[in-house]
């Protein structure tokens, strides 16, 4: 049994004991026979884990800040689970090349957040670029649930909702207008998925609320 499945079994039990049931909507929208780029608005530091659990048995790679790889035990664990380091102060070409290679020839899909941060809603260009270079679809998703760590222990149930795949035409010329077009599609998909779960749910950034 590999570390990924072990983490799913024991981590899933731990998550349930802390926060309660995770409701998954529209899992049938996920591609079954190909890799894809799973994207969502970044609302908590644990939402990539929730997305991975919801999409299981598909395995994923995901970006993680380079500082997490300084500690050997943690580096081993998150690497086994699919993380690869990103130096946010000196972003290199591997941030694009590695996921493109994995999506094309590997068995794992990619989880990423187009905004790049939990404290920004502006979508950047990386998702569209990786989709164009890899030829893989973008699958939008949203998380609704607690966004503060202390609220997880109140056993407020979480919901993950998956959307219809977005196909990036590889014939489209890479330009600001092209990136904006697909970013608008992603944002519209996020809004629609949120409405499907709970149209009255509103995300409040805990960091902004402290100001």
N, C-alpha and C. Protein backbone atom coordinates (compact mmCIF):
# COMPACT_ATOMS: atom_id res chain seq x y z
N UNK A 1 0.85 -1.19 0.00
CA UNK A 1 0.00 0.00 0.00
C UNK A 1 0.89 1.25 0.00
N UNK A 2 0.68 2.18 -0.95
CA UNK A 2 1.55 3.34 -1.05
C UNK A 2 1.15 4.42 -0.04
N UNK A 3 2.05 5.39 0.13
CA UNK A 3 1.83 6.44 1.12
C UNK A 3 0.60 7.27 0.79
N UNK A 4 0.29 7.42 -0.49
CA UNK A 4 -0.86 8.22 -0.89
C UNK A 4 -2.15 7.58 -0.39
N UNK A 5 -2.25 6.25 -0.58
CA UNK A 5 -3.47 5.57 -0.14
C UNK A 5 -3.55 5.51 1.38
N UNK A 6 -2.42 5.31 2.03
CA UNK A 6 -2.40 5.30 3.49
C UNK A 6 -2.86 6.65 4.04
N UNK A 7 -2.38 7.73 3.42
CA UNK A 7 -2.78 9.06 3.85
C UNK A 7 -4.27 9.26 3.63
N UNK A 8 -4.79 8.74 2.51
CA UNK A 8 -6.23 8.85 2.24
C UNK A 8 -7.04 8.16 3.32
N UNK A 9 -6.62 6.97 3.71
CA UNK A 9 -7.38 6.20 4.69
C UNK A 9 -7.32 6.85 6.08
N UNK A 10 -6.11 7.04 6.57
CA UNK A 10 -5.96 7.55 7.94
C UNK A 10 -6.23 9.06 8.01
N UNK A 11 -5.82 9.79 6.97
CA UNK A 11 -6.10 11.21 6.95
C UNK A 11 -7.59 11.48 6.82
N UNK A 12 -8.27 10.66 6.02
CA UNK A 12 -9.71 10.82 5.87
C UNK A 12 -10.45 10.61 7.18
N UNK A 13 -10.03 9.60 7.94
CA UNK A 13 -10.64 9.35 9.24
C UNK A 13 -10.40 10.51 10.19
N UNK A 14 -9.18 11.07 10.14
CA UNK A 14 -8.85 12.19 11.01
C UNK A 14 -9.67 13.42 10.64
N UNK A 15 -9.77 13.69 9.34
CA UNK A 15 -10.55 14.84 8.88
C UNK A 15 -12.00 14.72 9.32
N UNK A 16 -12.57 13.52 9.16
CA UNK A 16 -13.97 13.32 9.54
C UNK A 16 -14.16 13.53 11.04
N UNK A 17 -13.20 13.06 11.83
CA UNK A 17 -13.33 13.19 13.28
C UNK A 17 -13.24 14.65 13.73
N UNK A 18 -12.54 15.49 12.95
CA UNK A 18 -12.38 16.89 13.31
C UNK A 18 -13.51 17.75 12.77
N UNK A 19 -13.77 17.63 11.49
CA UNK A 19 -14.67 18.59 10.84
C UNK A 19 -15.98 18.00 10.38
N UNK A 20 -16.14 16.69 10.45
CA UNK A 20 -17.39 16.09 9.99
C UNK A 20 -17.32 15.68 8.54
N UNK A 21 -18.47 15.40 7.99
CA UNK A 21 -18.56 14.87 6.64
C UNK A 21 -18.16 15.90 5.59
N UNK A 22 -17.44 15.44 4.58
CA UNK A 22 -17.14 16.27 3.41
C UNK A 22 -18.09 15.85 2.30
N UNK A 23 -18.95 16.76 1.90
CA UNK A 23 -19.90 16.47 0.83
C UNK A 23 -19.24 16.77 -0.52
N UNK A 24 -19.34 15.83 -1.44
CA UNK A 24 -18.75 16.00 -2.78
C UNK A 24 -19.87 16.05 -3.81
N UNK A 25 -19.89 17.09 -4.61
CA UNK A 25 -20.90 17.26 -5.64
C UNK A 25 -20.29 17.14 -7.03
N UNK A 26 -21.00 16.44 -7.91
CA UNK A 26 -20.68 16.39 -9.34
C UNK A 26 -19.30 15.81 -9.63
N UNK A 27 -18.94 14.75 -8.91
CA UNK A 27 -17.66 14.09 -9.17
C UNK A 27 -17.64 13.47 -10.57
N UNK A 28 -18.82 13.19 -11.12
CA UNK A 28 -18.90 12.61 -12.46
C UNK A 28 -18.42 13.56 -13.55
N UNK A 29 -18.21 14.83 -13.20
CA UNK A 29 -17.69 15.79 -14.17
C UNK A 29 -16.17 15.67 -14.36
N UNK A 30 -15.50 14.94 -13.49
CA UNK A 30 -14.05 14.77 -13.59
C UNK A 30 -13.71 13.82 -14.73
N UNK A 31 -12.71 14.15 -15.55
CA UNK A 31 -12.26 13.22 -16.59
C UNK A 31 -11.79 11.91 -15.98
N UNK A 32 -12.17 10.80 -16.56
CA UNK A 32 -11.82 9.49 -16.00
C UNK A 32 -10.54 8.92 -16.58
N UNK A 33 -10.25 9.23 -17.84
CA UNK A 33 -9.18 8.54 -18.54
C UNK A 33 -8.01 9.44 -18.93
N UNK A 34 -7.91 10.61 -18.32
CA UNK A 34 -6.82 11.51 -18.70
C UNK A 34 -6.48 12.41 -17.52
N UNK A 35 -5.29 12.97 -17.55
CA UNK A 35 -4.91 13.95 -16.53
C UNK A 35 -5.63 15.27 -16.79
N UNK A 36 -5.68 16.09 -15.76
CA UNK A 36 -6.34 17.39 -15.87
C UNK A 36 -5.76 18.34 -14.83
N UNK A 37 -6.11 19.61 -14.94
CA UNK A 37 -5.66 20.64 -14.01
C UNK A 37 -6.86 21.05 -13.17
N UNK A 38 -6.85 20.69 -11.91
CA UNK A 38 -7.95 21.01 -11.00
C UNK A 38 -7.66 22.37 -10.35
N UNK A 39 -8.55 23.32 -10.55
CA UNK A 39 -8.32 24.68 -10.07
C UNK A 39 -9.50 25.15 -9.23
N UNK A 40 -9.20 26.05 -8.30
CA UNK A 40 -10.25 26.63 -7.49
C UNK A 40 -9.79 27.92 -6.85
N UNK A 41 -10.70 28.70 -6.30
CA UNK A 41 -10.30 29.87 -5.52
C UNK A 41 -9.66 29.40 -4.22
N UNK A 42 -8.53 29.97 -3.85
CA UNK A 42 -7.75 29.52 -2.69
C UNK A 42 -8.33 30.16 -1.43
N UNK A 43 -9.08 29.38 -0.64
CA UNK A 43 -9.80 29.94 0.49
C UNK A 43 -9.25 29.54 1.85
N UNK A 44 -8.48 28.46 1.91
CA UNK A 44 -7.88 28.01 3.16
C UNK A 44 -6.53 27.38 2.85
N UNK A 45 -5.71 27.14 3.87
CA UNK A 45 -4.45 26.45 3.60
C UNK A 45 -4.66 24.95 3.46
N UNK A 46 -5.85 24.45 3.82
CA UNK A 46 -6.09 23.01 3.70
C UNK A 46 -6.96 22.63 2.49
N UNK A 47 -7.45 23.59 1.70
CA UNK A 47 -8.32 23.20 0.59
C UNK A 47 -7.66 22.33 -0.47
N UNK A 48 -6.33 22.40 -0.72
CA UNK A 48 -5.77 21.43 -1.67
C UNK A 48 -5.90 19.99 -1.18
N UNK A 49 -5.81 19.80 0.14
CA UNK A 49 -5.99 18.45 0.69
C UNK A 49 -7.43 17.99 0.50
N UNK A 50 -8.38 18.88 0.75
CA UNK A 50 -9.80 18.54 0.58
C UNK A 50 -10.09 18.19 -0.88
N UNK A 51 -9.54 18.96 -1.82
CA UNK A 51 -9.75 18.67 -3.24
C UNK A 51 -9.20 17.29 -3.59
N UNK A 52 -8.00 16.99 -3.10
CA UNK A 52 -7.38 15.70 -3.40
C UNK A 52 -8.20 14.55 -2.84
N UNK A 53 -8.70 14.70 -1.62
CA UNK A 53 -9.53 13.67 -1.03
C UNK A 53 -10.82 13.49 -1.82
N UNK A 54 -11.42 14.59 -2.25
CA UNK A 54 -12.69 14.53 -2.97
C UNK A 54 -12.54 13.87 -4.34
N UNK A 55 -11.38 14.04 -4.97
CA UNK A 55 -11.16 13.51 -6.32
C UNK A 55 -10.53 12.11 -6.31
N UNK A 56 -10.24 11.57 -5.13
CA UNK A 56 -9.62 10.23 -5.03
C UNK A 56 -10.47 9.21 -5.80
N UNK A 57 -9.87 8.24 -6.53
CA UNK A 57 -8.50 7.75 -6.43
C UNK A 57 -7.48 8.44 -7.35
N UNK A 58 -7.88 9.52 -8.02
CA UNK A 58 -6.91 10.24 -8.82
C UNK A 58 -5.82 10.80 -7.93
N UNK A 59 -4.57 10.73 -8.38
CA UNK A 59 -3.45 11.28 -7.64
C UNK A 59 -3.02 12.61 -8.27
N UNK A 60 -2.42 13.46 -7.44
CA UNK A 60 -2.10 14.81 -7.88
C UNK A 60 -0.69 15.23 -7.51
N UNK A 61 -0.18 16.20 -8.24
CA UNK A 61 0.97 16.98 -7.82
C UNK A 61 0.45 18.38 -7.50
N UNK A 62 1.19 19.11 -6.69
CA UNK A 62 0.78 20.47 -6.37
C UNK A 62 1.99 21.28 -5.95
N UNK A 63 1.89 22.57 -6.12
CA UNK A 63 2.97 23.48 -5.76
C UNK A 63 2.96 23.76 -4.27
N UNK A 64 4.15 23.83 -3.67
CA UNK A 64 4.27 24.17 -2.25
C UNK A 64 5.46 25.09 -2.07
N UNK A 65 5.36 26.01 -1.13
CA UNK A 65 6.44 26.97 -0.94
C UNK A 65 7.72 26.26 -0.52
N UNK A 66 8.84 26.75 -1.01
CA UNK A 66 10.13 26.08 -0.84
C UNK A 66 10.52 25.91 0.62
N UNK A 67 10.05 26.79 1.49
CA UNK A 67 10.41 26.73 2.90
C UNK A 67 9.99 25.42 3.55
N UNK A 68 8.92 24.81 3.05
CA UNK A 68 8.42 23.57 3.64
C UNK A 68 9.38 22.40 3.41
N UNK A 69 10.28 22.53 2.45
CA UNK A 69 11.17 21.43 2.10
C UNK A 69 12.50 21.47 2.87
N UNK A 70 12.63 22.40 3.80
CA UNK A 70 13.87 22.52 4.56
C UNK A 70 13.97 21.44 5.64
N UNK A 71 12.85 20.92 6.09
CA UNK A 71 12.83 19.93 7.16
C UNK A 71 12.69 18.53 6.55
N UNK A 72 13.67 17.67 6.80
CA UNK A 72 13.75 16.40 6.09
C UNK A 72 12.51 15.53 6.22
N UNK A 73 11.97 15.28 7.42
CA UNK A 73 10.77 14.41 7.50
C UNK A 73 9.57 14.99 6.74
N UNK A 74 9.36 16.30 6.89
CA UNK A 74 8.25 16.94 6.18
C UNK A 74 8.49 16.92 4.69
N UNK A 75 9.74 17.14 4.27
CA UNK A 75 10.08 17.11 2.85
C UNK A 75 9.76 15.75 2.25
N UNK A 76 10.13 14.69 2.98
CA UNK A 76 9.84 13.34 2.48
C UNK A 76 8.35 13.11 2.34
N UNK A 77 7.57 13.51 3.34
CA UNK A 77 6.13 13.26 3.32
C UNK A 77 5.45 14.01 2.20
N UNK A 78 5.69 15.32 2.10
CA UNK A 78 4.95 16.08 1.10
C UNK A 78 5.42 15.76 -0.32
N UNK A 79 6.69 15.36 -0.45
CA UNK A 79 7.16 14.93 -1.77
C UNK A 79 6.47 13.65 -2.19
N UNK A 80 6.33 12.70 -1.25
CA UNK A 80 5.62 11.45 -1.53
C UNK A 80 4.17 11.71 -1.92
N UNK A 81 3.60 12.77 -1.36
CA UNK A 81 2.21 13.10 -1.63
C UNK A 81 2.04 13.96 -2.88
N UNK A 82 3.15 14.31 -3.55
CA UNK A 82 3.06 14.99 -4.83
C UNK A 82 3.47 16.45 -4.84
N UNK A 83 3.95 16.97 -3.71
CA UNK A 83 4.34 18.38 -3.68
C UNK A 83 5.68 18.60 -4.39
N UNK A 84 5.83 19.75 -5.03
CA UNK A 84 7.12 20.16 -5.57
C UNK A 84 7.36 21.62 -5.19
N UNK A 85 8.62 21.98 -4.91
CA UNK A 85 8.91 23.30 -4.33
C UNK A 85 8.85 24.44 -5.32
N UNK A 86 8.37 25.57 -4.82
CA UNK A 86 8.34 26.81 -5.59
C UNK A 86 8.92 27.91 -4.73
N UNK A 87 9.97 28.55 -5.23
CA UNK A 87 10.55 29.71 -4.56
C UNK A 87 9.79 30.93 -5.05
N UNK A 88 8.93 31.44 -4.22
CA UNK A 88 8.05 32.52 -4.65
C UNK A 88 8.79 33.82 -4.93
N UNK A 89 10.01 33.95 -4.40
CA UNK A 89 10.80 35.15 -4.65
C UNK A 89 11.61 35.05 -5.93
N UNK A 90 11.91 33.81 -6.34
CA UNK A 90 12.69 33.57 -7.56
C UNK A 90 12.05 32.43 -8.34
N UNK A 91 10.93 32.73 -8.98
CA UNK A 91 10.18 31.70 -9.70
C UNK A 91 10.92 31.33 -10.98
N UNK A 92 11.26 30.04 -11.12
CA UNK A 92 11.98 29.57 -12.30
C UNK A 92 11.08 28.87 -13.29
N UNK A 93 11.67 28.43 -14.39
CA UNK A 93 10.90 27.78 -15.45
C UNK A 93 10.37 26.41 -15.05
N UNK A 94 10.99 25.78 -14.02
CA UNK A 94 10.53 24.46 -13.58
C UNK A 94 9.10 24.50 -13.06
N UNK A 95 8.66 25.67 -12.62
CA UNK A 95 7.28 25.82 -12.13
C UNK A 95 6.29 25.49 -13.24
N UNK A 96 6.70 25.71 -14.48
CA UNK A 96 5.86 25.38 -15.63
C UNK A 96 6.26 24.04 -16.22
N UNK A 97 7.57 23.82 -16.41
CA UNK A 97 8.04 22.63 -17.11
C UNK A 97 7.69 21.33 -16.39
N UNK A 98 7.88 21.31 -15.07
CA UNK A 98 7.64 20.07 -14.33
C UNK A 98 6.18 19.63 -14.39
N UNK A 99 5.20 20.49 -14.07
CA UNK A 99 3.81 20.03 -14.17
C UNK A 99 3.38 19.69 -15.59
N UNK A 100 3.91 20.42 -16.58
CA UNK A 100 3.56 20.10 -17.97
C UNK A 100 4.04 18.69 -18.31
N UNK A 101 5.27 18.36 -17.93
CA UNK A 101 5.82 17.04 -18.19
C UNK A 101 5.01 15.96 -17.48
N UNK A 102 4.66 16.20 -16.23
CA UNK A 102 3.89 15.21 -15.45
C UNK A 102 2.49 15.02 -16.05
N UNK A 103 1.86 16.11 -16.45
CA UNK A 103 0.52 16.02 -17.03
C UNK A 103 0.54 15.25 -18.35
N UNK A 104 1.58 15.45 -19.13
CA UNK A 104 1.67 14.80 -20.44
C UNK A 104 1.98 13.31 -20.33
N UNK A 105 2.95 12.96 -19.48
CA UNK A 105 3.46 11.58 -19.50
C UNK A 105 3.33 10.84 -18.18
N UNK A 106 2.91 11.52 -17.13
CA UNK A 106 2.80 10.86 -15.84
C UNK A 106 1.39 10.36 -15.58
N UNK A 107 1.18 9.89 -14.35
CA UNK A 107 -0.12 9.36 -13.96
C UNK A 107 -0.87 10.32 -13.03
N UNK A 108 -0.25 11.48 -12.75
CA UNK A 108 -0.85 12.39 -11.78
C UNK A 108 -1.33 13.68 -12.45
N UNK A 109 -2.45 14.17 -11.95
CA UNK A 109 -2.97 15.45 -12.39
C UNK A 109 -2.39 16.55 -11.51
N UNK A 110 -2.83 17.78 -11.72
CA UNK A 110 -2.28 18.93 -11.03
C UNK A 110 -3.37 19.69 -10.31
N UNK A 111 -3.13 20.03 -9.05
CA UNK A 111 -3.98 20.96 -8.32
C UNK A 111 -3.26 22.29 -8.24
N UNK A 112 -3.93 23.37 -8.64
CA UNK A 112 -3.32 24.68 -8.50
C UNK A 112 -4.41 25.74 -8.30
N UNK A 113 -3.96 26.89 -7.85
CA UNK A 113 -4.88 27.99 -7.57
C UNK A 113 -4.50 29.17 -8.44
N UNK A 114 -5.36 29.54 -9.40
CA UNK A 114 -5.02 30.59 -10.37
C UNK A 114 -4.65 31.92 -9.74
N UNK A 115 -5.18 32.21 -8.55
CA UNK A 115 -4.84 33.48 -7.90
C UNK A 115 -3.46 33.44 -7.26
N UNK A 116 -2.96 32.23 -6.97
CA UNK A 116 -1.64 32.07 -6.38
C UNK A 116 -1.57 32.35 -4.90
N UNK A 117 -2.64 32.87 -4.32
CA UNK A 117 -2.62 33.25 -2.90
C UNK A 117 -4.01 33.16 -2.31
N UNK A 118 -4.09 32.89 -1.01
CA UNK A 118 -5.37 32.90 -0.31
C UNK A 118 -5.90 34.32 -0.11
N UNK A 119 -5.05 35.30 -0.33
CA UNK A 119 -5.42 36.67 -0.01
C UNK A 119 -5.54 37.54 -1.26
N UNK A 120 -5.77 36.88 -2.39
CA UNK A 120 -5.94 37.60 -3.65
C UNK A 120 -7.01 36.89 -4.47
N UNK A 121 -7.80 37.67 -5.19
CA UNK A 121 -8.82 37.09 -6.07
C UNK A 121 -8.48 37.28 -7.54
N UNK A 122 -7.38 37.95 -7.82
CA UNK A 122 -6.98 38.21 -9.20
C UNK A 122 -6.31 36.96 -9.79
N UNK A 123 -6.85 36.47 -10.90
CA UNK A 123 -6.32 35.27 -11.52
C UNK A 123 -5.10 35.61 -12.37
N UNK A 124 -4.07 34.79 -12.23
CA UNK A 124 -2.82 35.01 -12.97
C UNK A 124 -2.78 34.13 -14.22
N UNK A 125 -1.65 34.10 -14.90
CA UNK A 125 -1.56 33.45 -16.21
C UNK A 125 -1.12 32.00 -16.17
N UNK A 126 -0.58 31.53 -15.02
CA UNK A 126 0.05 30.22 -14.96
C UNK A 126 -0.83 29.05 -15.36
N UNK A 127 -2.07 29.06 -14.90
CA UNK A 127 -2.98 27.95 -15.20
C UNK A 127 -3.21 27.81 -16.70
N UNK A 128 -3.49 28.92 -17.35
CA UNK A 128 -3.77 28.90 -18.79
C UNK A 128 -2.53 28.46 -19.56
N UNK A 129 -1.37 28.94 -19.15
CA UNK A 129 -0.12 28.57 -19.82
C UNK A 129 0.13 27.07 -19.71
N UNK A 130 -0.03 26.51 -18.51
CA UNK A 130 0.20 25.07 -18.32
C UNK A 130 -0.82 24.26 -19.10
N UNK A 131 -2.07 24.70 -19.13
CA UNK A 131 -3.09 23.99 -19.89
C UNK A 131 -2.78 24.00 -21.38
N UNK A 132 -2.33 25.13 -21.89
CA UNK A 132 -2.00 25.24 -23.32
C UNK A 132 -0.82 24.35 -23.68
N UNK A 133 0.22 24.37 -22.85
CA UNK A 133 1.42 23.60 -23.15
C UNK A 133 1.22 22.10 -22.98
N UNK A 134 0.38 21.71 -22.03
CA UNK A 134 0.18 20.28 -21.77
C UNK A 134 -0.94 19.67 -22.61
N UNK A 135 -1.85 20.52 -23.07
CA UNK A 135 -2.99 20.02 -23.83
C UNK A 135 -4.05 19.38 -22.95
N UNK A 136 -4.02 19.66 -21.67
CA UNK A 136 -4.99 19.08 -20.73
C UNK A 136 -6.06 20.10 -20.35
N UNK A 137 -7.24 19.59 -19.99
CA UNK A 137 -8.35 20.47 -19.65
C UNK A 137 -8.19 21.04 -18.25
N UNK A 138 -8.86 22.15 -18.02
CA UNK A 138 -8.95 22.77 -16.70
C UNK A 138 -10.29 22.38 -16.09
N UNK A 139 -10.27 21.85 -14.88
CA UNK A 139 -11.51 21.51 -14.19
C UNK A 139 -11.69 22.46 -13.01
N UNK A 140 -12.70 23.32 -13.05
CA UNK A 140 -12.93 24.25 -11.94
C UNK A 140 -13.59 23.53 -10.76
N UNK A 141 -13.31 24.00 -9.56
CA UNK A 141 -13.91 23.44 -8.36
C UNK A 141 -14.00 24.54 -7.31
N UNK A 142 -14.89 24.37 -6.35
CA UNK A 142 -14.97 25.31 -5.23
C UNK A 142 -15.07 24.54 -3.92
N UNK A 143 -14.58 25.19 -2.88
CA UNK A 143 -14.69 24.70 -1.51
C UNK A 143 -15.58 25.68 -0.74
N UNK A 144 -16.59 25.15 -0.07
CA UNK A 144 -17.36 25.94 0.88
C UNK A 144 -17.30 25.25 2.23
N UNK A 145 -16.92 25.99 3.24
CA UNK A 145 -16.78 25.43 4.57
C UNK A 145 -16.00 26.37 5.45
N UNK A 146 -15.55 25.91 6.61
CA UNK A 146 -14.78 26.77 7.51
C UNK A 146 -13.50 27.27 6.85
N UNK A 147 -13.16 28.53 7.09
CA UNK A 147 -11.92 29.08 6.56
C UNK A 147 -10.95 29.45 7.68
N UNK A 148 -11.39 29.32 8.92
CA UNK A 148 -10.52 29.51 10.07
C UNK A 148 -10.26 28.15 10.71
N UNK A 149 -9.00 27.91 11.09
CA UNK A 149 -8.64 26.61 11.66
C UNK A 149 -9.49 26.27 12.88
N UNK A 150 -9.76 27.24 13.73
CA UNK A 150 -10.55 26.99 14.94
C UNK A 150 -11.96 26.54 14.62
N UNK A 151 -12.47 26.95 13.47
CA UNK A 151 -13.84 26.60 13.09
C UNK A 151 -13.96 25.16 12.59
N UNK A 152 -12.83 24.56 12.20
CA UNK A 152 -12.88 23.16 11.76
C UNK A 152 -13.41 22.26 12.86
N UNK A 153 -13.07 22.57 14.11
CA UNK A 153 -13.42 21.72 15.24
C UNK A 153 -14.89 21.87 15.66
N UNK A 154 -15.60 22.77 15.01
CA UNK A 154 -17.03 22.91 15.28
C UNK A 154 -17.84 21.91 14.47
N UNK A 155 -17.13 21.09 13.66
CA UNK A 155 -17.76 20.06 12.83
C UNK A 155 -18.81 20.65 11.88
N UNK A 156 -18.46 21.82 11.34
CA UNK A 156 -19.28 22.38 10.27
C UNK A 156 -18.90 21.66 8.98
N UNK A 157 -19.85 21.01 8.37
CA UNK A 157 -19.54 20.21 7.20
C UNK A 157 -19.01 21.07 6.05
N UNK A 158 -18.12 20.46 5.25
CA UNK A 158 -17.52 21.11 4.09
C UNK A 158 -18.10 20.52 2.81
N UNK A 159 -18.12 21.32 1.77
CA UNK A 159 -18.61 20.87 0.47
C UNK A 159 -17.58 21.19 -0.60
N UNK A 160 -17.33 20.21 -1.47
CA UNK A 160 -16.52 20.40 -2.67
C UNK A 160 -17.43 20.19 -3.87
N UNK A 161 -17.42 21.11 -4.81
CA UNK A 161 -18.24 21.00 -6.00
C UNK A 161 -17.35 21.10 -7.24
N UNK A 162 -17.44 20.10 -8.12
CA UNK A 162 -16.65 20.07 -9.35
C UNK A 162 -17.46 20.58 -10.53
N UNK A 163 -16.77 21.31 -11.43
CA UNK A 163 -17.44 21.87 -12.59
C UNK A 163 -17.10 21.15 -13.89
N UNK A 164 -17.71 21.63 -14.95
CA UNK A 164 -17.45 21.08 -16.28
C UNK A 164 -16.05 21.51 -16.75
N UNK A 165 -15.33 20.61 -17.42
CA UNK A 165 -13.99 20.94 -17.91
C UNK A 165 -13.99 22.11 -18.88
N UNK A 166 -12.95 22.90 -18.79
CA UNK A 166 -12.72 24.02 -19.71
C UNK A 166 -11.56 23.62 -20.64
N UNK A 167 -11.80 23.64 -21.93
CA UNK A 167 -10.79 23.25 -22.91
C UNK A 167 -10.08 24.49 -23.43
N UNK A 168 -8.77 24.51 -23.26
CA UNK A 168 -7.96 25.61 -23.80
C UNK A 168 -7.50 25.20 -25.20
N UNK A 169 -7.92 25.95 -26.18
CA UNK A 169 -7.56 25.66 -27.58
C UNK A 169 -6.07 25.93 -27.78
N UNK A 170 -5.32 24.90 -28.11
CA UNK A 170 -3.87 25.06 -28.28
C UNK A 170 -3.53 25.90 -29.50
N UNK A 171 -4.51 26.17 -30.35
CA UNK A 171 -4.28 27.02 -31.51
C UNK A 171 -4.38 28.50 -31.15
N UNK A 172 -4.97 28.79 -29.99
CA UNK A 172 -5.08 30.18 -29.57
C UNK A 172 -3.70 30.76 -29.31
N UNK A 173 -3.45 31.94 -29.85
CA UNK A 173 -2.17 32.60 -29.63
C UNK A 173 -2.10 33.11 -28.20
N UNK A 174 -0.97 32.81 -27.54
CA UNK A 174 -0.79 33.24 -26.16
C UNK A 174 -0.65 34.77 -26.12
N UNK A 175 -1.60 35.41 -25.48
CA UNK A 175 -1.62 36.87 -25.39
C UNK A 175 -2.37 37.26 -24.12
N UNK A 176 -2.30 38.51 -23.76
CA UNK A 176 -3.04 38.99 -22.60
C UNK A 176 -4.53 38.79 -22.78
N UNK A 177 -5.01 39.01 -24.01
CA UNK A 177 -6.44 38.86 -24.29
C UNK A 177 -6.86 37.39 -24.16
N UNK A 178 -6.01 36.48 -24.65
CA UNK A 178 -6.31 35.05 -24.57
C UNK A 178 -6.36 34.59 -23.12
N UNK A 179 -5.38 35.03 -22.33
CA UNK A 179 -5.35 34.65 -20.91
C UNK A 179 -6.56 35.21 -20.19
N UNK A 180 -6.92 36.44 -20.48
CA UNK A 180 -8.08 37.05 -19.84
C UNK A 180 -9.36 36.29 -20.19
N UNK A 181 -9.46 35.83 -21.44
CA UNK A 181 -10.64 35.09 -21.87
C UNK A 181 -10.85 33.83 -21.04
N UNK A 182 -9.79 33.05 -20.86
CA UNK A 182 -9.93 31.80 -20.10
C UNK A 182 -10.03 32.06 -18.60
N UNK A 183 -9.37 33.10 -18.12
CA UNK A 183 -9.52 33.46 -16.71
C UNK A 183 -10.96 33.87 -16.41
N UNK A 184 -11.59 34.57 -17.33
CA UNK A 184 -13.00 34.95 -17.16
C UNK A 184 -13.88 33.71 -17.13
N UNK A 185 -13.55 32.71 -17.96
CA UNK A 185 -14.32 31.46 -17.94
C UNK A 185 -14.19 30.75 -16.61
N UNK A 186 -12.97 30.73 -16.06
CA UNK A 186 -12.76 30.10 -14.77
C UNK A 186 -13.53 30.82 -13.67
N UNK A 187 -13.45 32.15 -13.66
CA UNK A 187 -14.15 32.91 -12.63
C UNK A 187 -15.65 32.71 -12.72
N UNK A 188 -16.18 32.69 -13.94
CA UNK A 188 -17.61 32.45 -14.12
C UNK A 188 -17.99 31.05 -13.62
N UNK A 189 -17.11 30.09 -13.85
CA UNK A 189 -17.37 28.72 -13.37
C UNK A 189 -17.36 28.67 -11.86
N UNK A 190 -16.40 29.36 -11.21
CA UNK A 190 -16.36 29.40 -9.75
C UNK A 190 -17.66 29.98 -9.19
N UNK A 191 -18.12 31.08 -9.79
CA UNK A 191 -19.35 31.72 -9.33
C UNK A 191 -20.55 30.78 -9.47
N UNK A 192 -20.62 30.07 -10.59
CA UNK A 192 -21.72 29.14 -10.82
C UNK A 192 -21.69 27.98 -9.83
N UNK A 193 -20.49 27.45 -9.57
CA UNK A 193 -20.36 26.33 -8.65
C UNK A 193 -20.73 26.74 -7.23
N UNK A 194 -20.34 27.95 -6.84
CA UNK A 194 -20.73 28.45 -5.52
C UNK A 194 -22.25 28.54 -5.41
N UNK A 195 -22.90 29.04 -6.46
CA UNK A 195 -24.36 29.15 -6.46
C UNK A 195 -25.02 27.78 -6.35
N UNK A 196 -24.41 26.76 -7.00
CA UNK A 196 -24.97 25.40 -6.94
C UNK A 196 -24.94 24.85 -5.51
N UNK A 197 -23.91 25.21 -4.76
CA UNK A 197 -23.79 24.72 -3.39
C UNK A 197 -24.67 25.53 -2.46
N UNK A 198 -24.44 26.83 -2.42
CA UNK A 198 -25.20 27.73 -1.55
C UNK A 198 -25.03 29.15 -2.06
N UNK A 199 -26.04 29.70 -2.72
CA UNK A 199 -25.91 31.05 -3.31
C UNK A 199 -25.74 32.14 -2.26
N UNK A 200 -26.00 31.83 -0.99
CA UNK A 200 -25.88 32.83 0.06
C UNK A 200 -24.52 32.77 0.77
N UNK A 201 -23.68 31.79 0.39
CA UNK A 201 -22.38 31.65 1.06
C UNK A 201 -21.43 32.72 0.52
N UNK A 202 -20.73 33.37 1.42
CA UNK A 202 -19.78 34.42 1.04
C UNK A 202 -18.44 34.14 1.70
N UNK A 203 -17.38 34.21 0.93
CA UNK A 203 -16.04 34.02 1.48
C UNK A 203 -15.55 35.29 2.13
N UNK A 204 -15.08 35.17 3.38
CA UNK A 204 -14.48 36.28 4.10
C UNK A 204 -13.05 35.90 4.43
N UNK A 205 -12.10 36.66 3.89
CA UNK A 205 -10.68 36.40 4.13
C UNK A 205 -10.35 36.74 5.58
N UNK A 206 -9.97 35.75 6.40
CA UNK A 206 -9.67 36.02 7.81
C UNK A 206 -8.59 37.08 7.99
N UNK A 207 -7.62 37.12 7.09
CA UNK A 207 -6.53 38.09 7.19
C UNK A 207 -7.06 39.51 7.01
N UNK A 208 -7.99 39.69 6.08
CA UNK A 208 -8.54 41.01 5.85
C UNK A 208 -9.45 41.45 6.99
N UNK A 209 -10.12 40.48 7.62
CA UNK A 209 -11.02 40.81 8.72
C UNK A 209 -10.26 41.31 9.94
N UNK A 210 -8.97 40.93 10.06
CA UNK A 210 -8.17 41.36 11.21
C UNK A 210 -7.75 42.82 11.11
N UNK A 211 -7.81 43.37 9.89
CA UNK A 211 -7.33 44.73 9.69
C UNK A 211 -8.36 45.74 10.22
